């Protein structure tokens, strides 16, 4: 889990860089899932939950991939304080058969396309 407090004026740049990393790591061996959350009370507080088959691979290999370089180098200029990285172990996971895509065109507002319901939903942070 990675917690970020992004500078408001740098949120768009941060999301652009992070989305590039997430798009690239989706094809990595051992990658399971990444879910990005936004605090409903603060649009600049984000939580990224990554799941990998192996903690060692994620720490020793994945973190050093070339596609992450620009993102890592920019963090000091994009964040209020250093990101907080913690490890949690899954005890249980429950999921519904519904898949949502959350395009982050705008840092404060986006449209959600639900393939399950077939209806767009307005989301505001």
Protein backbone atom coordinates (compact mmCIF):
# COMPACT_ATOMS: atom_id res chain seq x y z
CA UNK A 1 0.00 0.00 0.00
CA UNK A 2 1.31 3.41 -0.92
CA UNK A 3 -0.15 6.62 0.49
CA UNK A 4 0.43 9.90 -1.31
CA UNK A 5 -0.28 13.51 -0.35
CA UNK A 6 0.11 15.32 -3.67
CA UNK A 7 0.61 19.05 -4.07
CA UNK A 8 -2.68 20.38 -5.51
CA UNK A 9 -1.01 22.22 -8.38
CA UNK A 10 0.92 19.05 -9.30
CA UNK A 11 -1.92 16.53 -9.13
CA UNK A 12 -2.44 16.29 -12.89
CA UNK A 13 1.28 15.69 -13.52
CA UNK A 14 1.39 13.09 -10.74
CA UNK A 15 -1.58 11.18 -12.16
CA UNK A 16 -0.09 11.26 -15.66
CA UNK A 17 3.15 9.73 -14.42
CA UNK A 18 1.44 7.20 -12.16
CA UNK A 19 -0.98 6.11 -14.88
CA UNK A 20 2.00 5.42 -17.15
CA UNK A 21 3.56 3.21 -14.47
CA UNK A 22 0.30 1.38 -13.81
CA UNK A 23 -0.28 0.78 -17.52
CA UNK A 24 3.23 -0.65 -17.93
CA UNK A 25 3.28 -2.83 -14.83
CA UNK A 26 0.01 -4.49 -15.81
CA UNK A 27 2.04 -6.67 -18.21
CA UNK A 28 4.72 -7.63 -15.68
CA UNK A 29 5.08 -11.26 -14.62
CA UNK A 30 3.81 -11.69 -11.10
CA UNK A 31 1.49 -8.69 -11.23
CA UNK A 32 -1.98 -9.37 -9.85
CA UNK A 33 -3.78 -6.10 -9.30
CA UNK A 34 -3.42 -2.39 -8.63
CA UNK A 35 -6.25 -0.23 -7.31
CA UNK A 36 -5.94 3.53 -6.91
CA UNK A 37 -8.19 5.20 -4.34
CA UNK A 38 -8.89 8.87 -3.64
CA UNK A 39 -9.84 10.27 -0.23
CA UNK A 40 -13.38 11.67 -0.58
CA UNK A 41 -12.43 14.53 1.74
CA UNK A 42 -9.20 15.48 -0.04
CA UNK A 43 -8.68 15.07 -3.78
CA UNK A 44 -4.91 15.15 -3.31
CA UNK A 45 -4.77 12.23 -0.85
CA UNK A 46 -4.40 8.99 -2.77
CA UNK A 47 -3.92 5.36 -1.80
CA UNK A 48 -2.48 2.81 -4.20
CA UNK A 49 -2.94 -0.86 -3.36
CA UNK A 50 -0.71 -3.18 -5.39
CA UNK A 51 -0.87 -6.97 -5.31
CA UNK A 52 2.01 -9.12 -6.56
CA UNK A 53 2.63 -12.86 -6.48
CA UNK A 54 5.95 -12.32 -4.71
CA UNK A 55 6.91 -9.54 -2.30
CA UNK A 56 10.57 -10.15 -3.09
CA UNK A 57 10.02 -9.72 -6.83
CA UNK A 58 8.06 -6.51 -6.30
CA UNK A 59 10.74 -5.07 -4.01
CA UNK A 60 13.87 -6.34 -5.74
CA UNK A 61 12.92 -6.31 -9.42
CA UNK A 62 9.75 -4.42 -10.27
CA UNK A 63 10.64 -1.23 -8.43
CA UNK A 64 13.74 -0.83 -10.63
CA UNK A 65 12.04 -1.16 -14.02
CA UNK A 66 13.01 1.60 -16.50
CA UNK A 67 9.41 2.74 -17.01
CA UNK A 68 9.31 3.80 -13.34
CA UNK A 69 12.34 6.12 -13.55
CA UNK A 70 10.61 9.41 -14.49
CA UNK A 71 7.90 8.77 -11.90
CA UNK A 72 10.38 8.10 -9.10
CA UNK A 73 12.56 11.07 -10.02
CA UNK A 74 9.56 13.45 -10.02
CA UNK A 75 8.05 12.39 -6.68
CA UNK A 76 10.01 14.86 -4.55
CA UNK A 77 8.58 17.76 -6.60
CA UNK A 78 5.02 16.39 -6.68
CA UNK A 79 4.35 15.38 -3.09
CA UNK A 80 3.76 17.35 0.11
CA UNK A 81 5.81 14.75 1.99
CA UNK A 82 7.45 11.44 1.07
CA UNK A 83 5.05 8.65 0.18
CA UNK A 84 4.22 6.15 2.88
CA UNK A 85 4.79 2.54 1.83
CA UNK A 86 3.44 -0.27 3.99
CA UNK A 87 2.99 -3.98 3.45
CA UNK A 88 -0.22 -5.76 4.34
CA UNK A 89 -1.04 -9.43 3.96
CA UNK A 90 -4.36 -10.49 2.53
CA UNK A 91 -6.50 -12.57 4.84
CA UNK A 92 -9.59 -12.54 2.67
CA UNK A 93 -10.75 -11.04 -0.63
CA UNK A 94 -14.34 -10.80 -1.80
CA UNK A 95 -15.29 -9.39 -5.20
CA UNK A 96 -18.46 -8.99 -7.14
CA UNK A 97 -18.48 -9.91 -10.82
CA UNK A 98 -18.66 -6.20 -11.72
CA UNK A 99 -15.75 -4.42 -13.41
CA UNK A 100 -15.46 -0.64 -13.33
CA UNK A 101 -13.08 1.45 -15.38
CA UNK A 102 -12.09 4.71 -13.74
CA UNK A 103 -10.57 7.09 -16.30
CA UNK A 104 -8.76 9.92 -14.55
CA UNK A 105 -9.10 12.57 -17.26
CA UNK A 106 -9.62 15.22 -14.63
CA UNK A 107 -8.01 15.06 -11.21
CA UNK A 108 -11.25 16.13 -9.49
CA UNK A 109 -13.95 14.61 -11.64
CA UNK A 110 -14.31 11.60 -13.89
CA UNK A 111 -16.93 9.46 -15.54
CA UNK A 112 -17.16 5.82 -14.63
CA UNK A 113 -18.25 3.36 -17.26
CA UNK A 114 -19.79 0.31 -15.68
CA UNK A 115 -19.73 -2.66 -18.03
CA UNK A 116 -21.98 -4.48 -15.61
CA UNK A 117 -24.78 -1.94 -15.40
CA UNK A 118 -24.17 -0.36 -18.80
CA UNK A 119 -24.87 3.10 -17.40
CA UNK A 120 -22.33 5.91 -16.94
CA UNK A 121 -22.04 7.19 -13.39
CA UNK A 122 -20.79 10.64 -12.40
CA UNK A 123 -18.04 10.58 -9.75
CA UNK A 124 -16.87 13.71 -7.94
CA UNK A 125 -14.02 13.94 -5.45
